[in-house]
Amino acid sequence: MESTVERLVQHVTAVVGDQLHAVILHGSLATGDFVPGRSDIDLLVVTGAGITDDQAAALERVVVAADLGDASGVDLHVVTSVVAADPVREPPVELHVGRYASGVEVARRMPADPDLPVELAMARAGGRTLLAAPLVENRSPAGVFGEVPARWIVDRGRHWLTVWQGLTEDDQHAAHMVLTACRIWRFAVEGVHCGKVDAARWAEGRDPGMAAIGAAIRRYTTGNHEPVAPAAIARLLDRVLTETSAVAPRGAKDGREAQ
């Protein structure tokens, strides 16, 4: 996958040009949790200023035409260096292009994205810098991205847990809901960002009786359509909501926690 990602970054660099500050790889390819045919290429592109409409259109074409290698898709966000360095709870996004099995999603100049801080935090904790401009003094992800308050991450996770309580019959997204719930759970308890399978193994160790977890792991890692019982999903969601309401996330930042 290294050559696949390298070619994609070269195309992105050609489009953004001198405005490019950094390209950070995050997600499963950075954490070692990559599953061929199941995992995406996740990129955060940081620019000095906003990109033009022509550049946005060109980046969309790059993602759509990209060689995926063993990946199932591409998830690309473009944010400015100001947004990256000093995150807010609902930061603006210059561009998001997602190429998935279900199709291509494009969002341009989103004024507020409440899910982006989680992406930034995960990239800061476990991402890998693929490219950085000479003006970037600290090339590491921790130098590119400011710290995101843990409370924001847990709050957003709890939002999705609540949404998913009404979607337990959605078999298509069952594994995603279960594995992401495990990630939310582990972060809330230990302040650790990790891959889907690692989080699920951790959750299994915490409660071996959660049948949904093993089924979700097997579906995700093998691609086999193993049923994940809605009742088992509901039980997990209830458990995680209970546990995340009772803990103060580690790594809590400063007064911004209350915002």
Protein backbone atom coordinates (compact mmCIF):
# COMPACT_ATOMS: atom_id res chain seq x y z
CA MET A 1 0.00 0.00 0.00
CA GLU A 2 2.97 2.34 0.42
CA SER A 3 3.31 2.97 -3.31
CA THR A 4 -0.45 3.42 -3.67
CA VAL A 5 -0.51 6.08 -0.97
CA GLU A 6 2.63 7.73 -2.32
CA ARG A 7 1.07 8.16 -5.78
CA LEU A 8 -2.08 9.61 -4.26
CA VAL A 9 -0.06 12.12 -2.23
CA GLN A 10 1.90 13.13 -5.33
CA HIS A 11 -1.34 13.95 -7.15
CA VAL A 12 -2.66 15.89 -4.16
CA THR A 13 0.58 17.85 -3.92
CA ALA A 14 0.45 18.75 -7.61
CA VAL A 15 -3.04 20.19 -7.16
CA VAL A 16 -2.50 22.15 -3.94
CA GLY A 17 0.96 23.46 -4.80
CA ASP A 18 2.62 26.07 -2.60
CA GLN A 19 -0.36 26.24 -0.24
CA LEU A 20 0.38 22.74 1.03
CA HIS A 21 1.56 22.59 4.65
CA ALA A 22 1.29 18.89 5.41
CA VAL A 23 -0.30 15.60 4.44
CA ILE A 24 -1.05 13.27 7.35
CA LEU A 25 -2.00 9.62 6.99
CA HIS A 26 -4.29 8.39 9.75
CA GLY A 27 -6.74 5.59 10.33
CA SER A 28 -6.02 1.90 9.85
CA LEU A 29 -2.98 2.31 7.59
CA ALA A 30 -1.29 4.37 10.30
CA THR A 31 -2.36 2.23 13.25
CA GLY A 32 -1.54 -1.13 11.67
CA ASP A 33 -5.20 -2.15 11.70
CA PHE A 34 -5.58 -2.18 7.90
CA VAL A 35 -7.77 -4.95 6.49
CA PRO A 36 -7.36 -5.44 2.70
CA GLY A 37 -10.60 -4.85 0.85
CA ARG A 38 -12.26 -3.45 3.98
CA SER A 39 -10.23 -0.41 5.07
CA ASP A 40 -9.90 3.05 3.51
CA ILE A 41 -6.95 5.34 2.86
CA ASP A 42 -7.49 8.23 5.31
CA LEU A 43 -5.71 11.51 4.54
CA LEU A 44 -5.78 14.91 6.20
CA VAL A 45 -4.43 17.64 3.94
CA VAL A 46 -3.43 20.85 5.72
CA THR A 47 -3.15 24.04 3.67
CA GLY A 48 -1.93 27.53 4.45
CA ALA A 49 -5.18 29.10 3.28
CA GLY A 50 -8.40 28.05 1.65
CA ILE A 51 -8.24 26.21 -1.66
CA THR A 52 -9.90 27.48 -4.82
CA ASP A 53 -12.94 25.91 -6.43
CA ASP A 54 -10.74 24.68 -9.28
CA GLN A 55 -8.41 23.01 -6.79
CA ALA A 56 -11.36 21.43 -4.99
CA ALA A 57 -12.70 20.04 -8.26
CA ALA A 58 -9.25 18.73 -9.16
CA LEU A 59 -8.89 17.00 -5.79
CA GLU A 60 -12.26 15.37 -6.28
CA ARG A 61 -11.05 14.02 -9.63
CA VAL A 62 -7.84 12.78 -8.01
CA VAL A 63 -9.77 10.80 -5.39
CA VAL A 64 -12.25 9.38 -7.89
CA ALA A 65 -9.49 8.27 -10.27
CA ALA A 66 -7.04 7.04 -7.62
CA ASP A 67 -5.66 3.52 -7.70
CA LEU A 68 -6.95 2.02 -4.44
CA GLY A 69 -4.55 -0.90 -4.25
CA ASP A 70 -5.93 -3.13 -1.49
CA ALA A 71 -8.00 -0.34 0.05
CA SER A 72 -11.77 -0.18 -0.20
CA GLY A 73 -11.90 3.60 -0.60
CA VAL A 74 -10.39 7.01 0.14
CA ASP A 75 -11.39 9.51 2.80
CA LEU A 76 -9.77 12.92 2.25
CA HIS A 77 -10.25 16.08 4.31
CA VAL A 78 -8.70 19.47 3.55
CA VAL A 79 -8.39 21.94 6.43
CA THR A 80 -6.40 25.12 6.92
CA SER A 81 -3.39 25.28 9.19
CA VAL A 82 -5.32 27.55 11.57
CA VAL A 83 -8.06 24.95 12.00
CA ALA A 84 -5.47 22.20 12.45
CA ALA A 85 -3.37 24.07 15.00
CA ASP A 86 -6.20 25.33 17.20
CA PRO A 87 -9.26 23.08 16.88
CA VAL A 88 -12.70 24.25 17.90
CA ARG A 89 -15.66 22.05 18.72
CA GLU A 90 -17.22 22.39 15.24
CA PRO A 91 -14.44 23.48 12.89
CA PRO A 92 -14.86 24.51 9.26
CA VAL A 93 -13.70 22.16 6.51
CA GLU A 94 -12.40 23.32 3.15
CA LEU A 95 -13.21 20.05 1.40
CA HIS A 96 -14.19 16.49 2.14
CA VAL A 97 -14.12 13.84 -0.57
CA GLY A 98 -15.08 10.31 0.36
CA ARG A 99 -14.88 7.50 -2.16
CA TYR A 100 -16.70 4.49 -0.78
CA ALA A 101 -18.25 1.28 -2.05
CA SER A 102 -21.62 3.04 -1.90
CA GLY A 103 -20.45 5.98 -4.04
CA VAL A 104 -18.63 9.30 -3.83
CA GLU A 105 -19.49 11.98 -1.28
CA VAL A 106 -18.26 15.56 -1.66
CA ALA A 107 -18.70 18.47 0.75
CA ARG A 108 -17.22 21.89 -0.02
CA ARG A 109 -16.64 24.71 2.48
CA MET A 110 -18.53 23.15 5.36
CA PRO A 111 -18.91 25.93 7.96
CA ALA A 112 -18.99 23.48 10.87
CA ASP A 113 -18.16 19.78 11.12
CA PRO A 114 -18.71 18.36 14.63
CA ASP A 115 -17.09 15.05 13.64
CA LEU A 116 -13.80 16.56 12.45
CA PRO A 117 -12.23 17.05 15.93
CA VAL A 118 -12.26 13.29 16.43
CA GLU A 119 -10.40 12.84 13.13
CA LEU A 120 -7.88 15.51 14.13
CA ALA A 121 -7.35 13.95 17.55
CA MET A 122 -6.82 10.47 16.11
CA ALA A 123 -4.40 11.83 13.51
CA ARG A 124 -2.50 13.71 16.22
CA ALA A 125 -2.24 10.61 18.40
CA GLY A 126 -1.47 7.95 15.82
CA GLY A 127 -1.06 9.54 12.42
CA ARG A 128 1.98 9.60 10.17
CA THR A 129 3.34 12.66 8.37
CA LEU A 130 3.78 11.82 4.70
CA LEU A 131 4.78 15.30 3.58
CA ALA A 132 5.45 18.65 5.24
CA ALA A 133 6.49 22.01 3.82
CA PRO A 134 9.86 23.48 4.92
CA LEU A 135 8.04 26.21 6.86
CA VAL A 136 6.47 23.60 9.16
CA GLU A 137 8.83 23.59 12.15
CA ASN A 138 7.46 20.45 13.78
CA ARG A 139 6.65 17.81 11.17
CA SER A 140 5.09 15.35 13.60
CA PRO A 141 1.29 15.07 13.73
CA ALA A 142 1.46 16.53 17.25
CA GLY A 143 3.22 19.56 15.77
CA VAL A 144 0.65 19.99 12.99
CA PHE A 145 -2.51 19.44 15.04
CA GLY A 146 -3.43 21.10 18.29
CA GLU A 147 -4.80 19.07 21.17
CA VAL A 148 -8.53 18.34 21.11
CA PRO A 149 -10.20 18.33 24.55
CA ALA A 150 -11.13 14.79 25.55
CA ARG A 151 -14.57 15.92 26.64
CA TRP A 152 -15.43 16.97 23.09
CA ILE A 153 -14.46 13.55 21.77
CA VAL A 154 -16.53 11.69 24.33
CA ASP A 155 -19.51 13.99 23.86
CA ARG A 156 -19.49 13.42 20.11
CA GLY A 157 -19.15 9.71 20.61
CA ARG A 158 -22.14 9.68 22.94
CA HIS A 159 -24.12 11.59 20.31
CA TRP A 160 -23.56 8.76 17.82
CA LEU A 161 -24.26 6.07 20.39
CA THR A 162 -27.64 7.69 20.99
CA VAL A 163 -28.34 7.92 17.26
CA TRP A 164 -27.43 4.27 16.79
CA GLN A 165 -29.85 3.18 19.50
CA GLY A 166 -32.54 3.82 16.92
CA LEU A 167 -30.68 1.97 14.15
CA THR A 168 -29.91 -1.44 15.65
CA GLU A 169 -31.89 -3.12 12.84
CA ASP A 170 -29.54 -1.59 10.23
CA ASP A 171 -27.65 -4.76 9.34
CA GLN A 172 -25.51 -3.07 6.68
CA HIS A 173 -23.84 -0.86 9.28
CA ALA A 174 -23.97 -3.26 12.24
CA ALA A 175 -20.24 -3.99 12.39
CA HIS A 176 -19.37 -0.30 12.03
CA MET A 177 -21.66 0.66 14.91
CA VAL A 178 -20.31 -2.07 17.18
CA LEU A 179 -16.62 -1.49 16.47
CA THR A 180 -16.90 2.28 16.70
CA ALA A 181 -18.79 1.96 19.98
CA CYS A 182 -15.83 -0.03 21.29
CA ARG A 183 -13.44 2.74 20.24
CA ILE A 184 -15.58 5.34 21.99
CA TRP A 185 -15.69 3.16 25.09
CA ARG A 186 -11.94 2.65 25.28
CA PHE A 187 -11.15 6.30 24.69
CA ALA A 188 -13.57 7.38 27.42
CA VAL A 189 -12.06 4.98 29.94
CA GLU A 190 -8.36 5.08 29.05
CA GLY A 191 -7.88 8.11 26.80
CA VAL A 192 -6.49 5.81 24.10
CA HIS A 193 -7.15 6.16 20.38
CA CYS A 194 -6.77 2.82 18.61
CA GLY A 195 -7.96 0.80 15.64
CA LYS A 196 -11.32 -0.91 15.43
CA VAL A 197 -10.13 -4.44 16.14
CA ASP A 198 -7.84 -3.41 19.00
CA ALA A 199 -10.71 -1.52 20.61
CA ALA A 200 -13.04 -4.46 20.15
CA ARG A 201 -10.55 -6.88 21.74
CA TRP A 202 -10.20 -4.48 24.66
CA ALA A 203 -13.99 -4.30 25.05
CA GLU A 204 -14.27 -8.09 24.91
CA GLY A 205 -11.80 -8.32 27.75
CA ARG A 206 -13.85 -5.86 29.75
CA ASP A 207 -17.10 -7.75 29.14
CA PRO A 208 -16.66 -11.18 27.49
CA GLY A 209 -20.43 -11.63 27.40
CA MET A 210 -20.97 -9.01 24.69
CA ALA A 211 -21.88 -11.29 21.75
CA ALA A 212 -22.10 -8.41 19.28
CA ILE A 213 -18.38 -7.72 19.54
CA GLY A 214 -17.08 -11.08 18.36
CA ALA A 215 -19.59 -11.18 15.52
CA ALA A 216 -18.60 -7.67 14.41
CA ILE A 217 -14.89 -8.51 14.49
CA ARG A 218 -15.40 -11.59 12.34
CA ARG A 219 -17.57 -9.73 9.85
CA TYR A 220 -15.08 -6.87 9.58
CA THR A 221 -11.93 -8.97 9.29
CA THR A 222 -13.23 -11.74 7.02
CA GLY A 223 -15.88 -9.99 4.95
CA ASN A 224 -18.27 -12.85 5.70
CA HIS A 225 -21.82 -11.74 6.35
CA GLU A 226 -22.20 -12.99 9.89
CA PRO A 227 -25.40 -11.74 11.55
CA VAL A 228 -25.02 -9.26 14.41
CA ALA A 229 -28.17 -9.47 16.50
CA PRO A 230 -29.95 -6.12 16.98
CA ALA A 231 -30.60 -6.97 20.63
CA ALA A 232 -26.88 -7.59 21.14
CA ILE A 233 -26.04 -4.26 19.50
CA ALA A 234 -28.56 -2.50 21.73
CA ARG A 235 -27.04 -4.08 24.83
CA LEU A 236 -23.56 -2.91 23.86
CA LEU A 237 -24.74 0.63 23.11
CA ASP A 238 -26.52 0.82 26.45
CA ARG A 239 -23.41 -0.40 28.27
CA VAL A 240 -21.12 2.10 26.55
CA LEU A 241 -23.50 4.99 27.15
CA THR A 242 -23.63 4.09 30.83
CA GLU A 243 -19.86 3.80 31.17
CA THR A 244 -19.06 6.94 29.22
CA SER A 245 -21.42 9.01 31.36
CA ALA A 246 -19.65 7.87 34.53
CA VAL A 247 -16.03 8.60 33.64
CA ALA A 248 -13.97 11.73 33.24
CA PRO A 249 -11.84 11.16 30.14
CA ARG A 250 -8.12 11.15 30.75
CA GLY A 251 -5.98 13.73 29.02
CA ALA A 252 -8.58 16.44 29.60
CA LYS A 253 -7.27 19.77 28.49
CA ASP A 254 -7.92 23.17 30.02
CA GLY A 255 -10.94 25.40 30.47
CA ARG A 256 -12.12 24.63 26.93
CA GLU A 257 -13.48 21.36 28.37
CA ALA A 258 -16.59 23.17 29.53
CA GLN A 259 -17.37 24.77 26.19
